[in-house]
Amino acid sequence: MQRLKIALPDELRAQLDAASAKSGRSVAEEIRSRVEATFALETVDKSTRDFIAGIARMPAEIELETGAAWHKHAGAYVVFREAILRRLARLKPEGSIAFGKRPQQAIPGDDPEGIGLSIEENLWTDPNYTRSEWRAAMGKNLREIIKLQQQRQKKGDKS
């Protein structure tokens, strides 16, 4: 590990000190964590980054408006849910909801709602699901099953 000496404005250093105290991490760990998070955001496209940034601004506005945090008051939760749904509705692409070939498919079926529910459940259970051995094995097994089904259909079509 290499050391990096940087100069920070007093206000930014105070924010880091406060964040460090709140998280229970050292200032260095806080900086590393925040830098890693910004690099992680670079792995997604600009539209997704903009969506995440918009969602991230909502809780503070909701708390100002309602006097409650979205995760501590049922009404504030509904406000947050509706704001997210409205943002998603604004960004909905036109066209068919049918999928073509899904080369990394690990969830059976083509129902978008079912796929969404499965993704949320998998990520809730294991935040590292996307890179997990379990997902890789599920995808491999599912692709083999689909391939066998297609072979059987071709044989059935020929008879």
Protein backbone atom coordinates (compact mmCIF):
# COMPACT_ATOMS: atom_id res chain seq x y z
CA MET A 1 0.00 0.00 0.00
CA GLN A 2 1.31 3.46 -0.88
CA ARG A 3 0.82 6.63 1.09
CA LEU A 4 -0.58 9.69 -0.63
CA LYS A 5 -0.23 13.13 0.85
CA ILE A 6 -2.96 15.56 -0.18
CA ALA A 7 -4.09 19.00 0.91
CA LEU A 8 -7.79 19.45 1.72
CA PRO A 9 -9.81 22.57 2.40
CA ASP A 10 -10.77 22.88 6.08
CA GLU A 11 -14.47 22.36 5.32
CA LEU A 12 -13.82 19.11 3.43
CA ARG A 13 -11.52 17.84 6.21
CA ALA A 14 -14.25 18.62 8.76
CA GLN A 15 -16.77 16.65 6.66
CA LEU A 16 -14.35 13.71 6.49
CA ASP A 17 -13.77 13.85 10.24
CA ALA A 18 -17.53 13.85 10.87
CA ALA A 19 -18.14 11.00 8.40
CA SER A 20 -15.28 9.03 9.93
CA ALA A 21 -16.67 9.45 13.44
CA LYS A 22 -20.16 8.45 12.28
CA SER A 23 -18.98 5.35 10.41
CA GLY A 24 -16.44 4.26 13.03
CA ARG A 25 -13.69 4.14 10.42
CA SER A 26 -10.43 6.02 10.42
CA VAL A 27 -10.21 9.06 8.14
CA ALA A 28 -7.94 7.06 5.81
CA GLU A 29 -10.46 4.20 5.67
CA GLU A 30 -13.26 6.69 5.06
CA ILE A 31 -11.36 8.23 2.14
CA ARG A 32 -10.56 4.78 0.67
CA SER A 33 -14.17 3.69 0.98
CA ARG A 34 -15.47 6.81 -0.71
CA VAL A 35 -12.91 6.66 -3.53
CA GLU A 36 -13.73 2.98 -4.13
CA ALA A 37 -17.44 3.86 -4.27
CA THR A 38 -16.85 6.49 -6.94
CA PHE A 39 -14.87 4.00 -9.03
CA ALA A 40 -17.66 1.44 -8.62
CA LEU A 41 -20.12 3.98 -10.06
CA GLU A 42 -17.95 4.28 -13.16
CA THR A 43 -18.80 0.68 -14.04
CA VAL A 44 -22.37 1.71 -14.90
CA ASP A 45 -23.55 3.86 -17.79
CA LYS A 46 -24.26 7.59 -17.50
CA SER A 47 -28.05 7.18 -17.48
CA THR A 48 -27.80 4.82 -14.52
CA ARG A 49 -25.38 7.14 -12.68
CA ASP A 50 -27.78 10.05 -13.26
CA PHE A 51 -30.70 7.95 -11.99
CA ILE A 52 -28.79 6.94 -8.86
CA ALA A 53 -27.78 10.56 -8.21
CA GLY A 54 -31.41 11.67 -8.56
CA ILE A 55 -32.60 8.98 -6.16
CA ALA A 56 -29.82 9.89 -3.71
CA ARG A 57 -31.09 13.48 -3.54
CA MET A 58 -34.67 12.47 -2.74
CA PRO A 59 -34.37 11.40 0.93
CA ALA A 60 -33.13 14.81 2.11
CA GLU A 61 -35.94 16.59 0.25
CA ILE A 62 -38.51 14.11 1.59
CA GLU A 63 -37.30 14.64 5.15
CA LEU A 64 -37.50 18.43 4.70
CA GLU A 65 -41.00 18.16 3.27
CA THR A 66 -42.45 15.56 5.64
CA GLY A 67 -40.32 15.95 8.75
CA ALA A 68 -39.47 12.24 8.70
CA ALA A 69 -36.88 9.94 7.17
CA TRP A 70 -38.31 7.60 4.51
CA HIS A 71 -37.17 4.52 6.42
CA LYS A 72 -38.61 5.67 9.76
CA HIS A 73 -42.15 6.79 8.85
CA ALA A 74 -44.73 4.92 6.78
CA GLY A 75 -45.97 8.08 5.05
CA ALA A 76 -42.46 9.25 4.18
CA TYR A 77 -41.79 5.77 2.80
CA VAL A 78 -44.81 6.11 0.47
CA VAL A 79 -43.55 9.53 -0.66
CA PHE A 80 -40.13 8.05 -1.45
CA ARG A 81 -41.62 5.06 -3.29
CA GLU A 82 -43.84 7.31 -5.39
CA ALA A 83 -40.96 9.65 -6.20
CA ILE A 84 -38.86 6.70 -7.37
CA LEU A 85 -41.73 5.25 -9.43
CA ARG A 86 -42.32 8.66 -11.03
CA ARG A 87 -38.63 8.98 -11.92
CA LEU A 88 -38.67 5.50 -13.43
CA ALA A 89 -41.81 6.32 -15.43
CA ARG A 90 -40.09 9.41 -16.89
CA LEU A 91 -37.17 7.26 -18.02
CA LYS A 92 -39.12 4.29 -19.43
CA PRO A 93 -37.88 3.38 -22.90
CA GLU A 94 -40.33 2.76 -25.72
CA GLY A 95 -40.69 -0.64 -27.35
CA SER A 96 -41.25 -4.29 -26.62
CA ILE A 97 -40.53 -5.78 -23.21
CA ALA A 98 -39.50 -9.10 -24.80
CA PHE A 99 -35.88 -10.14 -24.47
CA GLY A 100 -33.73 -11.71 -27.11
CA LYS A 101 -30.97 -14.14 -26.27
CA ARG A 102 -29.66 -13.60 -22.72
CA PRO A 103 -26.07 -14.93 -22.83
CA GLN A 104 -25.51 -14.42 -19.08
CA GLN A 105 -28.96 -15.73 -18.09
CA ALA A 106 -29.08 -17.23 -14.59
CA ILE A 107 -32.80 -16.71 -13.91
CA PRO A 108 -35.30 -18.87 -15.80
CA GLY A 109 -38.19 -17.43 -17.75
CA ASP A 110 -38.70 -14.22 -19.70
CA ASP A 111 -41.20 -12.39 -17.49
CA PRO A 112 -39.59 -9.01 -16.69
CA GLU A 113 -41.41 -8.71 -13.35
CA GLY A 114 -40.34 -12.20 -12.30
CA ILE A 115 -36.75 -11.51 -13.33
CA GLY A 116 -36.82 -8.23 -11.39
CA LEU A 117 -38.18 -9.93 -8.27
CA SER A 118 -35.51 -12.62 -8.51
CA ILE A 119 -32.71 -10.09 -8.98
CA GLU A 120 -33.87 -8.06 -5.99
CA GLU A 121 -34.15 -11.19 -3.82
CA ASN A 122 -30.73 -12.47 -4.88
CA LEU A 123 -29.04 -9.11 -4.25
CA TRP A 124 -30.86 -8.61 -0.92
CA THR A 125 -29.68 -12.05 0.22
CA ASP A 126 -26.14 -11.63 -1.16
CA PRO A 127 -24.96 -8.13 -2.19
CA ASN A 128 -22.11 -9.84 -4.08
CA TYR A 129 -24.48 -12.15 -5.97
CA THR A 130 -23.49 -10.69 -9.35
CA ARG A 131 -19.92 -11.99 -8.99
CA SER A 132 -20.77 -15.09 -6.96
CA GLU A 133 -19.93 -18.68 -7.83
CA TRP A 134 -23.62 -19.48 -7.23
CA ARG A 135 -24.73 -17.14 -10.04
CA ALA A 136 -22.10 -18.52 -12.40
CA ALA A 137 -23.19 -22.10 -11.65
CA MET A 138 -26.89 -21.25 -12.02
CA GLY A 139 -26.24 -19.55 -15.36
CA LYS A 140 -24.18 -22.48 -16.64
CA ASN A 141 -26.80 -25.03 -15.59
CA LEU A 142 -29.65 -22.98 -17.04
CA ARG A 143 -27.88 -22.53 -20.38
CA GLU A 144 -27.29 -26.31 -20.55
CA ILE A 145 -30.98 -26.97 -19.83
CA ILE A 146 -32.05 -24.46 -22.50
CA LYS A 147 -29.68 -26.04 -25.00
CA LEU A 148 -31.11 -29.51 -24.29
CA GLN A 149 -34.67 -28.21 -24.64
CA GLN A 150 -33.82 -26.63 -27.99
CA GLN A 151 -32.25 -29.88 -29.20
CA ARG A 152 -35.36 -31.83 -28.17
CA GLN A 153 -37.60 -29.31 -29.95
CA LYS A 154 -35.53 -29.65 -33.15
CA LYS A 155 -35.79 -33.45 -32.97
CA GLY A 156 -39.54 -33.15 -32.40
CA ASP A 157 -39.90 -30.79 -35.36
CA LYS A 158 -38.15 -33.28 -37.68
CA SER A 159 -40.45 -36.19 -36.90
